[in-house]
Every structure is written in structure tokens, then in C-alpha cells.
């Protein structure tokens, strides 16, 4: 089973956003950063999950995936398998389609303090994109 930690960072609502993804399997840890463009924070949280599942599809298709996020709205939406929010609907549907690549995907809400690495990655990516001269 893979433990996959996701988080998003936004500057503004909506505003520039980025995602951080940490994948843990046994003793191995992989880290990824994605600049997302302009989104609301909640939309960016769903996009972080999408990017995580896309990476996992390429490297770990067929595995059991545990997505861990500090976004209650994203975790609750995926647990209920339903959203009324029209802005979330295309993101939700994309996640549902990506899930078909794995034997099982489940979602777990975690507090911010357990998601520090994914948060750090998202913030670093956003900072780099907003201040390119700091690279």
C-alpha cells in the first residue's frame, strides 16, 4: 500500500496555486511539486489529489492507495462519492476516472501537522513561481 500525502498552497482566493505530493512506500519517499495556475484553495486541493493519482498511475498502477489530505472538503467529497458544487464536479469526475487505475483508493483526513512535507513542497513551488529570481 502507498501512503500519498497531498496539499495545496494558494496566494489569493482565487489566485496562483501549487501542489505538493509525498509518496511513501516501505522505506522509500518521493516528493513532487506542481504549479497549478489560478484556482481557489479548495479547487487546488482537488488538483493536488489529481496530480498525485497521475504520478501513481505512471509508477504504481494497480496498487492500493491511501490518500492523506488536510482538506476536509476534498476528503469528505471523495468519501461520500458525491458533490453538488459545480466547480468541484469536473475535478471530482477526473479523480473518479483516475481511481480506476488502482485496486483500491481510500481517503483519510489528517491534521496540518501530519502533512508538513506536502505543505512545504506546495509553498516552495508557489514561492518559486511568484519570485522566479529566487531560484
C-alpha atoms as a PDB file:
ATOM      1  CA  UNK A   1       0.000   0.000   0.000  1.00  0.00           C
ATOM      2  CA  UNK A   2       1.151   3.505  -0.844  1.00  0.00           C
ATOM      3  CA  UNK A   3       0.710   6.404   1.555  1.00  0.00           C
ATOM      4  CA  UNK A   4       0.167   9.529  -0.528  1.00  0.00           C
ATOM      5  CA  UNK A   5       0.152  12.935   1.156  1.00  0.00           C
ATOM      6  CA  UNK A   6      -1.263  15.907  -0.778  1.00  0.00           C
ATOM      7  CA  UNK A   7      -1.548  19.604  -0.061  1.00  0.00           C
ATOM      8  CA  UNK A   8      -2.125  22.835  -1.932  1.00  0.00           C
ATOM      9  CA  UNK A   9      -0.997  26.409  -1.391  1.00  0.00           C
ATOM     10  CA  UNK A  10      -2.718  29.493  -2.807  1.00  0.00           C
ATOM     11  CA  UNK A  11      -1.906  33.170  -2.890  1.00  0.00           C
ATOM     12  CA  UNK A  12      -5.312  34.818  -3.103  1.00  0.00           C
ATOM     13  CA  UNK A  13      -8.780  33.352  -3.451  1.00  0.00           C
ATOM     14  CA  UNK A  14      -8.667  32.557  -6.297  1.00  0.00           C
ATOM     15  CA  UNK A  15      -5.015  33.073  -7.004  1.00  0.00           C
ATOM     16  CA  UNK A  16      -1.796  31.418  -8.076  1.00  0.00           C
ATOM     17  CA  UNK A  17      -1.642  27.931  -6.601  1.00  0.00           C
ATOM     18  CA  UNK A  18       0.664  24.953  -6.311  1.00  0.00           C
ATOM     19  CA  UNK A  19       0.504  21.391  -5.047  1.00  0.00           C
ATOM     20  CA  UNK A  20       2.854  19.223  -3.050  1.00  0.00           C
ATOM     21  CA  UNK A  21       2.744  15.415  -3.153  1.00  0.00           C
ATOM     22  CA  UNK A  22       4.658  12.967  -0.984  1.00  0.00           C
ATOM     23  CA  UNK A  23       4.505   9.246  -1.797  1.00  0.00           C
ATOM     24  CA  UNK A  24       5.713   6.753   0.794  1.00  0.00           C
ATOM     25  CA  UNK A  25       6.169   3.047   0.152  1.00  0.00           C
ATOM     26  CA  UNK A  26       8.110   0.957   2.644  1.00  0.00           C
ATOM     27  CA  UNK A  27      11.256   2.981   3.386  1.00  0.00           C
ATOM     28  CA  UNK A  28      11.141   4.946   0.113  1.00  0.00           C
ATOM     29  CA  UNK A  29       9.831   8.525  -0.095  1.00  0.00           C
ATOM     30  CA  UNK A  30       9.238  10.506  -3.284  1.00  0.00           C
ATOM     31  CA  UNK A  31       8.412  14.218  -3.411  1.00  0.00           C
ATOM     32  CA  UNK A  32       6.725  16.172  -6.209  1.00  0.00           C
ATOM     33  CA  UNK A  33       5.755  19.799  -6.796  1.00  0.00           C
ATOM     34  CA  UNK A  34       3.248  21.101  -9.327  1.00  0.00           C
ATOM     35  CA  UNK A  35       2.418  24.673 -10.258  1.00  0.00           C
ATOM     36  CA  UNK A  36      -1.340  24.688 -10.885  1.00  0.00           C
ATOM     37  CA  UNK A  37      -2.154  28.178 -12.172  1.00  0.00           C
ATOM     38  CA  UNK A  38      -5.029  30.286 -10.820  1.00  0.00           C
ATOM     39  CA  UNK A  39      -7.540  28.398  -8.660  1.00  0.00           C
ATOM     40  CA  UNK A  40      -9.373  28.667  -5.353  1.00  0.00           C
ATOM     41  CA  UNK A  41      -7.806  26.866  -2.419  1.00  0.00           C
ATOM     42  CA  UNK A  42     -10.452  24.113  -2.445  1.00  0.00           C
ATOM     43  CA  UNK A  43     -10.055  23.533  -6.180  1.00  0.00           C
ATOM     44  CA  UNK A  44      -6.276  23.376  -5.732  1.00  0.00           C
ATOM     45  CA  UNK A  45      -6.708  20.688  -3.046  1.00  0.00           C
ATOM     46  CA  UNK A  46      -8.633  18.532  -5.548  1.00  0.00           C
ATOM     47  CA  UNK A  47      -5.959  19.208  -8.178  1.00  0.00           C
ATOM     48  CA  UNK A  48      -3.275  18.067  -5.731  1.00  0.00           C
ATOM     49  CA  UNK A  49      -5.099  14.725  -5.466  1.00  0.00           C
ATOM     50  CA  UNK A  50      -5.383  14.540  -9.267  1.00  0.00           C
ATOM     51  CA  UNK A  51      -1.641  15.105  -9.713  1.00  0.00           C
ATOM     52  CA  UNK A  52      -0.859  12.541  -7.017  1.00  0.00           C
ATOM     53  CA  UNK A  53      -3.031   9.924  -8.726  1.00  0.00           C
ATOM     54  CA  UNK A  54      -1.467  10.728 -12.108  1.00  0.00           C
ATOM     55  CA  UNK A  55       2.032  10.129 -10.710  1.00  0.00           C
ATOM     56  CA  UNK A  56       0.854   6.918  -9.047  1.00  0.00           C
ATOM     57  CA  UNK A  57      -0.803   5.747 -12.276  1.00  0.00           C
ATOM     58  CA  UNK A  58       2.541   6.047 -14.081  1.00  0.00           C
ATOM     59  CA  UNK A  59       4.597   4.306 -11.392  1.00  0.00           C
ATOM     60  CA  UNK A  60       2.251   2.206  -9.270  1.00  0.00           C
ATOM     61  CA  UNK A  61      -0.778   1.205 -11.346  1.00  0.00           C
ATOM     62  CA  UNK A  62      -2.872  -1.495  -9.671  1.00  0.00           C
ATOM     63  CA  UNK A  63      -1.702  -0.675  -6.129  1.00  0.00           C
ATOM     64  CA  UNK A  64      -3.764   0.161  -3.055  1.00  0.00           C
ATOM     65  CA  UNK A  65      -3.537   3.910  -2.463  1.00  0.00           C
ATOM     66  CA  UNK A  66      -4.172   5.782   0.781  1.00  0.00           C
ATOM     67  CA  UNK A  67      -4.615   9.490   0.009  1.00  0.00           C
ATOM     68  CA  UNK A  68      -3.996  11.642   3.088  1.00  0.00           C
ATOM     69  CA  UNK A  69      -5.011  15.287   2.979  1.00  0.00           C
ATOM     70  CA  UNK A  70      -5.675  18.084   5.444  1.00  0.00           C
ATOM     71  CA  UNK A  71      -8.532  19.309   3.217  1.00  0.00           C
ATOM     72  CA  UNK A  72     -11.772  18.221   4.879  1.00  0.00           C
ATOM     73  CA  UNK A  73     -13.820  19.258   1.859  1.00  0.00           C
ATOM     74  CA  UNK A  74     -11.778  17.144  -0.576  1.00  0.00           C
ATOM     75  CA  UNK A  75     -11.678  14.101   1.733  1.00  0.00           C
ATOM     76  CA  UNK A  76     -15.397  14.352   2.592  1.00  0.00           C
ATOM     77  CA  UNK A  77     -16.344  14.737  -1.079  1.00  0.00           C
ATOM     78  CA  UNK A  78     -14.328  11.700  -2.106  1.00  0.00           C
ATOM     79  CA  UNK A  79     -15.577   9.629   0.846  1.00  0.00           C
ATOM     80  CA  UNK A  80     -19.214  10.437   0.021  1.00  0.00           C
ATOM     81  CA  UNK A  81     -18.533   9.932  -3.704  1.00  0.00           C
ATOM     82  CA  UNK A  82     -20.718  12.968  -4.397  1.00  0.00           C
ATOM     83  CA  UNK A  83     -20.608  16.746  -4.832  1.00  0.00           C
ATOM     84  CA  UNK A  84     -23.282  19.332  -5.548  1.00  0.00           C
ATOM     85  CA  UNK A  85     -20.657  22.012  -6.145  1.00  0.00           C
ATOM     86  CA  UNK A  86     -20.485  22.638  -9.892  1.00  0.00           C
ATOM     87  CA  UNK A  87     -16.911  23.975  -9.645  1.00  0.00           C
ATOM     88  CA  UNK A  88     -15.738  20.741  -7.999  1.00  0.00           C
ATOM     89  CA  UNK A  89     -17.669  18.405 -10.311  1.00  0.00           C
ATOM     90  CA  UNK A  90     -15.129  18.156 -13.184  1.00  0.00           C
ATOM     91  CA  UNK A  91     -12.295  17.687 -10.676  1.00  0.00           C
ATOM     92  CA  UNK A  92     -14.295  15.064  -8.786  1.00  0.00           C
ATOM     93  CA  UNK A  93     -15.049  13.195 -12.032  1.00  0.00           C
ATOM     94  CA  UNK A  94     -11.376  13.259 -13.050  1.00  0.00           C
ATOM     95  CA  UNK A  95     -10.397  11.760  -9.684  1.00  0.00           C
ATOM     96  CA  UNK A  96     -13.062   9.056 -10.061  1.00  0.00           C
ATOM     97  CA  UNK A  97     -11.661   8.182 -13.508  1.00  0.00           C
ATOM     98  CA  UNK A  98      -8.083   8.062 -12.208  1.00  0.00           C
ATOM     99  CA  UNK A  99      -9.135   5.738  -9.373  1.00  0.00           C
ATOM    100  CA  UNK A 100      -9.918   3.059 -11.960  1.00  0.00           C
ATOM    101  CA  UNK A 101      -6.147   2.520 -12.366  1.00  0.00           C
ATOM    102  CA  UNK A 102      -5.805   1.117  -8.832  1.00  0.00           C
ATOM    103  CA  UNK A 103      -7.118  -1.885  -6.955  1.00  0.00           C
ATOM    104  CA  UNK A 104      -8.405   0.382  -4.175  1.00  0.00           C
ATOM    105  CA  UNK A 105      -8.181   4.077  -3.251  1.00  0.00           C
ATOM    106  CA  UNK A 106      -9.267   5.463   0.075  1.00  0.00           C
ATOM    107  CA  UNK A 107      -9.079   8.902   1.632  1.00  0.00           C
ATOM    108  CA  UNK A 108      -8.095   9.950   5.108  1.00  0.00           C
ATOM    109  CA  UNK A 109      -8.248  13.409   6.634  1.00  0.00           C
ATOM    110  CA  UNK A 110      -5.134  14.297   8.601  1.00  0.00           C
ATOM    111  CA  UNK A 111      -4.329  17.410  10.658  1.00  0.00           C
ATOM    112  CA  UNK A 112      -1.965  20.030   9.228  1.00  0.00           C
ATOM    113  CA  UNK A 113       0.878  18.941  11.496  1.00  0.00           C
ATOM    114  CA  UNK A 114       0.892  15.471   9.882  1.00  0.00           C
ATOM    115  CA  UNK A 115       1.066  16.987   6.402  1.00  0.00           C
ATOM    116  CA  UNK A 116       4.094  19.260   6.769  1.00  0.00           C
ATOM    117  CA  UNK A 117       6.146  17.807   3.900  1.00  0.00           C
ATOM    118  CA  UNK A 118       3.396  18.139   1.285  1.00  0.00           C
ATOM    119  CA  UNK A 119       2.629  21.627   2.605  1.00  0.00           C
ATOM    120  CA  UNK A 120       6.313  22.619   2.374  1.00  0.00           C
ATOM    121  CA  UNK A 121       6.538  21.377  -1.214  1.00  0.00           C
ATOM    122  CA  UNK A 122       3.426  23.290  -2.282  1.00  0.00           C
ATOM    123  CA  UNK A 123       4.601  26.512  -0.613  1.00  0.00           C
ATOM    124  CA  UNK A 124       8.109  26.237  -2.073  1.00  0.00           C
ATOM    125  CA  UNK A 125       6.723  25.719  -5.571  1.00  0.00           C
ATOM    126  CA  UNK A 126       4.346  28.676  -5.219  1.00  0.00           C
ATOM    127  CA  UNK A 127       7.125  30.896  -3.837  1.00  0.00           C
ATOM    128  CA  UNK A 128       9.453  29.958  -6.702  1.00  0.00           C
ATOM    129  CA  UNK A 129       6.800  30.747  -9.327  1.00  0.00           C
ATOM    130  CA  UNK A 130       5.923  34.077  -7.710  1.00  0.00           C
ATOM    131  CA  UNK A 131       9.562  35.096  -7.248  1.00  0.00           C
ATOM    132  CA  UNK A 132      11.459  33.484 -10.129  1.00  0.00           C
ATOM    133  CA  UNK A 133      14.652  35.394  -9.294  1.00  0.00           C
ATOM    134  CA  UNK A 134      14.973  33.338  -6.071  1.00  0.00           C
ATOM    135  CA  UNK A 135      15.708  30.122  -7.966  1.00  0.00           C
END
